[in-house]
């Protein structure tokens, strides 16, 4: 079974892979998102290290319980054969109502079937006011006509 697009990536297929990941993460569905990774996928997320779909599901469930009203934009940074690098930003608020914009970079490595076998993420959170929010589409997948990071000047 494959998860298209599969490596080696072209500019077009790398962009498709990035947008598919963004769309999945914006569902905030840990079960759906975890299916994009190999059974033994290894992750570094900030200072956390873990592996495997059950750990990924648990991580994502805890993440989206904390990061409320989460909205994400990913942008292709570079690609080569079975690897993709992205930059991303997302906005969310905590249980007390404090909004944040999180800035990050990810490095992805895919197996021949198109499943991500390695993910490394570096992320920083910056407090913002609700008035400073830029990701204002309704919860869920970013609409096709909503600008990306570059178009937003970010």
C-alpha atoms as a PDB file:
ATOM      1  CA  UNK A   1       0.000   0.000   0.000  1.00  0.00           C
ATOM      2  CA  UNK A   2       1.248   3.482  -0.828  1.00  0.00           C
ATOM      3  CA  UNK A   3       0.511   6.989   0.402  1.00  0.00           C
ATOM      4  CA  UNK A   4       0.908   9.267  -2.640  1.00  0.00           C
ATOM      5  CA  UNK A   5       2.713  11.249  -3.591  1.00  0.00           C
ATOM      6  CA  UNK A   6       5.688   8.964  -3.202  1.00  0.00           C
ATOM      7  CA  UNK A   7       9.412   9.713  -3.503  1.00  0.00           C
ATOM      8  CA  UNK A   8      11.431  10.739  -5.330  1.00  0.00           C
ATOM      9  CA  UNK A   9       9.671  14.091  -5.083  1.00  0.00           C
ATOM     10  CA  UNK A  10       9.367  16.760  -7.741  1.00  0.00           C
ATOM     11  CA  UNK A  11       8.542  20.383  -6.939  1.00  0.00           C
ATOM     12  CA  UNK A  12       4.885  19.670  -7.651  1.00  0.00           C
ATOM     13  CA  UNK A  13       4.674  16.446  -5.606  1.00  0.00           C
ATOM     14  CA  UNK A  14       6.646  17.948  -2.700  1.00  0.00           C
ATOM     15  CA  UNK A  15       4.145  20.829  -2.565  1.00  0.00           C
ATOM     16  CA  UNK A  16       1.279  18.326  -2.679  1.00  0.00           C
ATOM     17  CA  UNK A  17       2.801  16.362   0.224  1.00  0.00           C
ATOM     18  CA  UNK A  18       3.202  19.534   2.300  1.00  0.00           C
ATOM     19  CA  UNK A  19      -0.385  20.673   1.681  1.00  0.00           C
ATOM     20  CA  UNK A  20      -1.728  17.195   2.468  1.00  0.00           C
ATOM     21  CA  UNK A  21       0.132  17.274   5.792  1.00  0.00           C
ATOM     22  CA  UNK A  22      -1.177  20.766   6.578  1.00  0.00           C
ATOM     23  CA  UNK A  23      -4.745  19.735   5.759  1.00  0.00           C
ATOM     24  CA  UNK A  24      -4.519  16.614   7.918  1.00  0.00           C
ATOM     25  CA  UNK A  25      -3.059  18.487  10.905  1.00  0.00           C
ATOM     26  CA  UNK A  26      -5.789  21.132  10.639  1.00  0.00           C
ATOM     27  CA  UNK A  27      -8.398  18.421  11.220  1.00  0.00           C
ATOM     28  CA  UNK A  28      -6.864  17.977  14.688  1.00  0.00           C
ATOM     29  CA  UNK A  29      -7.703  14.253  14.408  1.00  0.00           C
ATOM     30  CA  UNK A  30      -4.831  12.246  15.968  1.00  0.00           C
ATOM     31  CA  UNK A  31      -5.995   8.973  14.406  1.00  0.00           C
ATOM     32  CA  UNK A  32      -6.136  10.427  10.892  1.00  0.00           C
ATOM     33  CA  UNK A  33      -2.820  12.253  11.203  1.00  0.00           C
ATOM     34  CA  UNK A  34      -0.986   9.239  12.639  1.00  0.00           C
ATOM     35  CA  UNK A  35      -1.828   7.181   9.537  1.00  0.00           C
ATOM     36  CA  UNK A  36       0.621   9.293   7.484  1.00  0.00           C
ATOM     37  CA  UNK A  37       3.568   7.853   9.454  1.00  0.00           C
ATOM     38  CA  UNK A  38       5.231   4.455   9.376  1.00  0.00           C
ATOM     39  CA  UNK A  39       4.464   2.093  12.264  1.00  0.00           C
ATOM     40  CA  UNK A  40       7.925   2.817  13.693  1.00  0.00           C
ATOM     41  CA  UNK A  41       8.227   6.472  12.693  1.00  0.00           C
ATOM     42  CA  UNK A  42      10.695   8.380  14.875  1.00  0.00           C
ATOM     43  CA  UNK A  43       9.971  11.914  16.045  1.00  0.00           C
ATOM     44  CA  UNK A  44      11.746  14.780  17.677  1.00  0.00           C
ATOM     45  CA  UNK A  45       9.272  17.481  18.586  1.00  0.00           C
ATOM     46  CA  UNK A  46      10.896  20.333  20.481  1.00  0.00           C
ATOM     47  CA  UNK A  47      12.669  18.457  23.283  1.00  0.00           C
ATOM     48  CA  UNK A  48      10.557  15.279  23.102  1.00  0.00           C
ATOM     49  CA  UNK A  49      11.760  12.102  21.409  1.00  0.00           C
ATOM     50  CA  UNK A  50       9.446   9.157  20.699  1.00  0.00           C
ATOM     51  CA  UNK A  51       8.602   6.542  18.076  1.00  0.00           C
ATOM     52  CA  UNK A  52       5.647   4.618  16.724  1.00  0.00           C
ATOM     53  CA  UNK A  53       2.053   5.372  15.793  1.00  0.00           C
ATOM     54  CA  UNK A  54       0.632   4.833  19.310  1.00  0.00           C
ATOM     55  CA  UNK A  55       3.099   7.406  20.694  1.00  0.00           C
ATOM     56  CA  UNK A  56       2.301   9.785  17.828  1.00  0.00           C
ATOM     57  CA  UNK A  57      -1.453   9.475  18.479  1.00  0.00           C
ATOM     58  CA  UNK A  58      -0.967  10.100  22.208  1.00  0.00           C
ATOM     59  CA  UNK A  59       1.292  13.087  21.553  1.00  0.00           C
ATOM     60  CA  UNK A  60      -1.171  14.664  19.116  1.00  0.00           C
ATOM     61  CA  UNK A  61      -4.179  14.107  21.388  1.00  0.00           C
ATOM     62  CA  UNK A  62      -2.376  15.866  24.257  1.00  0.00           C
ATOM     63  CA  UNK A  63      -1.149  18.621  21.921  1.00  0.00           C
ATOM     64  CA  UNK A  64      -4.607  19.509  20.630  1.00  0.00           C
ATOM     65  CA  UNK A  65      -6.158  19.291  24.100  1.00  0.00           C
ATOM     66  CA  UNK A  66      -3.722  22.032  25.155  1.00  0.00           C
ATOM     67  CA  UNK A  67      -3.513  24.022  21.904  1.00  0.00           C
ATOM     68  CA  UNK A  68      -7.115  25.101  21.428  1.00  0.00           C
ATOM     69  CA  UNK A  69      -8.549  26.567  18.197  1.00  0.00           C
ATOM     70  CA  UNK A  70      -5.379  25.415  16.398  1.00  0.00           C
ATOM     71  CA  UNK A  71      -4.832  26.668  12.835  1.00  0.00           C
ATOM     72  CA  UNK A  72      -1.685  25.791  10.862  1.00  0.00           C
ATOM     73  CA  UNK A  73       0.018  26.876   7.634  1.00  0.00           C
ATOM     74  CA  UNK A  74       2.973  24.881   6.226  1.00  0.00           C
ATOM     75  CA  UNK A  75       5.211  25.967   3.360  1.00  0.00           C
ATOM     76  CA  UNK A  76       7.718  23.956   1.368  1.00  0.00           C
ATOM     77  CA  UNK A  77      11.272  25.065   2.092  1.00  0.00           C
ATOM     78  CA  UNK A  78      13.350  22.449   0.231  1.00  0.00           C
ATOM     79  CA  UNK A  79      13.204  18.857  -1.029  1.00  0.00           C
ATOM     80  CA  UNK A  80      15.496  16.140  -2.366  1.00  0.00           C
ATOM     81  CA  UNK A  81      14.610  12.567  -3.324  1.00  0.00           C
ATOM     82  CA  UNK A  82      12.779  11.237  -0.208  1.00  0.00           C
ATOM     83  CA  UNK A  83      13.249  14.269   2.057  1.00  0.00           C
ATOM     84  CA  UNK A  84      11.257  17.463   2.503  1.00  0.00           C
ATOM     85  CA  UNK A  85      11.948  20.503   4.686  1.00  0.00           C
ATOM     86  CA  UNK A  86       9.114  22.846   5.638  1.00  0.00           C
ATOM     87  CA  UNK A  87       8.622  26.012   7.591  1.00  0.00           C
ATOM     88  CA  UNK A  88       5.349  26.509   9.382  1.00  0.00           C
ATOM     89  CA  UNK A  89       3.408  28.708  11.712  1.00  0.00           C
ATOM     90  CA  UNK A  90       0.313  27.996  13.712  1.00  0.00           C
ATOM     91  CA  UNK A  91      -1.925  29.939  16.055  1.00  0.00           C
ATOM     92  CA  UNK A  92      -3.690  28.635  19.125  1.00  0.00           C
ATOM     93  CA  UNK A  93      -4.755  29.642  22.611  1.00  0.00           C
ATOM     94  CA  UNK A  94      -4.394  27.976  25.968  1.00  0.00           C
ATOM     95  CA  UNK A  95      -7.113  27.252  28.518  1.00  0.00           C
ATOM     96  CA  UNK A  96      -6.720  30.734  30.006  1.00  0.00           C
ATOM     97  CA  UNK A  97      -7.378  32.370  26.618  1.00  0.00           C
ATOM     98  CA  UNK A  98      -3.789  33.489  25.882  1.00  0.00           C
ATOM     99  CA  UNK A  99      -3.105  33.349  22.139  1.00  0.00           C
ATOM    100  CA  UNK A 100       0.214  32.192  20.671  1.00  0.00           C
ATOM    101  CA  UNK A 101       1.830  32.039  17.273  1.00  0.00           C
ATOM    102  CA  UNK A 102       4.186  29.102  17.030  1.00  0.00           C
ATOM    103  CA  UNK A 103       7.033  29.281  14.503  1.00  0.00           C
ATOM    104  CA  UNK A 104       8.884  26.212  13.333  1.00  0.00           C
ATOM    105  CA  UNK A 105      10.821  24.130  10.871  1.00  0.00           C
ATOM    106  CA  UNK A 106      10.459  20.440  10.159  1.00  0.00           C
ATOM    107  CA  UNK A 107      12.616  17.904   8.404  1.00  0.00           C
ATOM    108  CA  UNK A 108      10.801  14.902   6.971  1.00  0.00           C
ATOM    109  CA  UNK A 109      12.068  11.611   5.585  1.00  0.00           C
ATOM    110  CA  UNK A 110       9.769   9.217   3.720  1.00  0.00           C
ATOM    111  CA  UNK A 111       9.872   5.511   2.996  1.00  0.00           C
ATOM    112  CA  UNK A 112       9.431   4.291  -0.621  1.00  0.00           C
ATOM    113  CA  UNK A 113       5.646   3.964  -0.116  1.00  0.00           C
ATOM    114  CA  UNK A 114       5.257   7.649   0.843  1.00  0.00           C
ATOM    115  CA  UNK A 115       4.856   7.234   4.622  1.00  0.00           C
ATOM    116  CA  UNK A 116       6.881   9.522   6.852  1.00  0.00           C
ATOM    117  CA  UNK A 117       9.494   7.523   8.724  1.00  0.00           C
ATOM    118  CA  UNK A 118      11.253  10.414  10.444  1.00  0.00           C
ATOM    119  CA  UNK A 119      10.100  13.845  11.623  1.00  0.00           C
ATOM    120  CA  UNK A 120      12.233  16.437  13.372  1.00  0.00           C
ATOM    121  CA  UNK A 121      10.582  19.674  14.494  1.00  0.00           C
ATOM    122  CA  UNK A 122      12.009  22.815  16.061  1.00  0.00           C
ATOM    123  CA  UNK A 123       9.310  25.162  17.372  1.00  0.00           C
ATOM    124  CA  UNK A 124       9.128  28.456  19.295  1.00  0.00           C
ATOM    125  CA  UNK A 125       5.989  30.006  20.784  1.00  0.00           C
ATOM    126  CA  UNK A 126       5.379  33.754  20.856  1.00  0.00           C
ATOM    127  CA  UNK A 127       2.460  35.211  22.845  1.00  0.00           C
ATOM    128  CA  UNK A 128       0.148  37.359  20.726  1.00  0.00           C
ATOM    129  CA  UNK A 129      -3.074  39.212  21.368  1.00  0.00           C
ATOM    130  CA  UNK A 130      -6.282  38.021  19.771  1.00  0.00           C
ATOM    131  CA  UNK A 131      -6.165  41.166  17.591  1.00  0.00           C
ATOM    132  CA  UNK A 132      -2.758  40.054  16.209  1.00  0.00           C
ATOM    133  CA  UNK A 133      -4.116  36.785  14.859  1.00  0.00           C
ATOM    134  CA  UNK A 134      -3.732  36.246  11.123  1.00  0.00           C
ATOM    135  CA  UNK A 135      -5.084  32.707  10.735  1.00  0.00           C
ATOM    136  CA  UNK A 136      -8.763  33.525  10.909  1.00  0.00           C
ATOM    137  CA  UNK A 137     -10.481  30.953   8.720  1.00  0.00           C
ATOM    138  CA  UNK A 138     -13.140  28.746  10.367  1.00  0.00           C
ATOM    139  CA  UNK A 139     -11.708  25.738  12.223  1.00  0.00           C
ATOM    140  CA  UNK A 140     -10.613  22.957   9.900  1.00  0.00           C
ATOM    141  CA  UNK A 141      -8.684  22.850   6.658  1.00  0.00           C
ATOM    142  CA  UNK A 142      -7.377  26.192   5.370  1.00  0.00           C
ATOM    143  CA  UNK A 143      -9.508  27.304   2.413  1.00  0.00           C
ATOM    144  CA  UNK A 144      -7.761  27.240  -0.963  1.00  0.00           C
ATOM    145  CA  UNK A 145      -8.170  31.021  -1.328  1.00  0.00           C
ATOM    146  CA  UNK A 146      -6.676  31.831   2.119  1.00  0.00           C
ATOM    147  CA  UNK A 147      -3.089  33.096   1.649  1.00  0.00           C
ATOM    148  CA  UNK A 148      -0.019  31.122   2.677  1.00  0.00           C
ATOM    149  CA  UNK A 149       2.872  32.293   4.834  1.00  0.00           C
ATOM    150  CA  UNK A 150       4.717  34.131   2.071  1.00  0.00           C
ATOM    151  CA  UNK A 151       1.546  35.877   0.873  1.00  0.00           C
ATOM    152  CA  UNK A 152       0.809  36.954   4.455  1.00  0.00           C
ATOM    153  CA  UNK A 153       4.296  38.460   4.747  1.00  0.00           C
ATOM    154  CA  UNK A 154       5.307  35.959   7.426  1.00  0.00           C
END
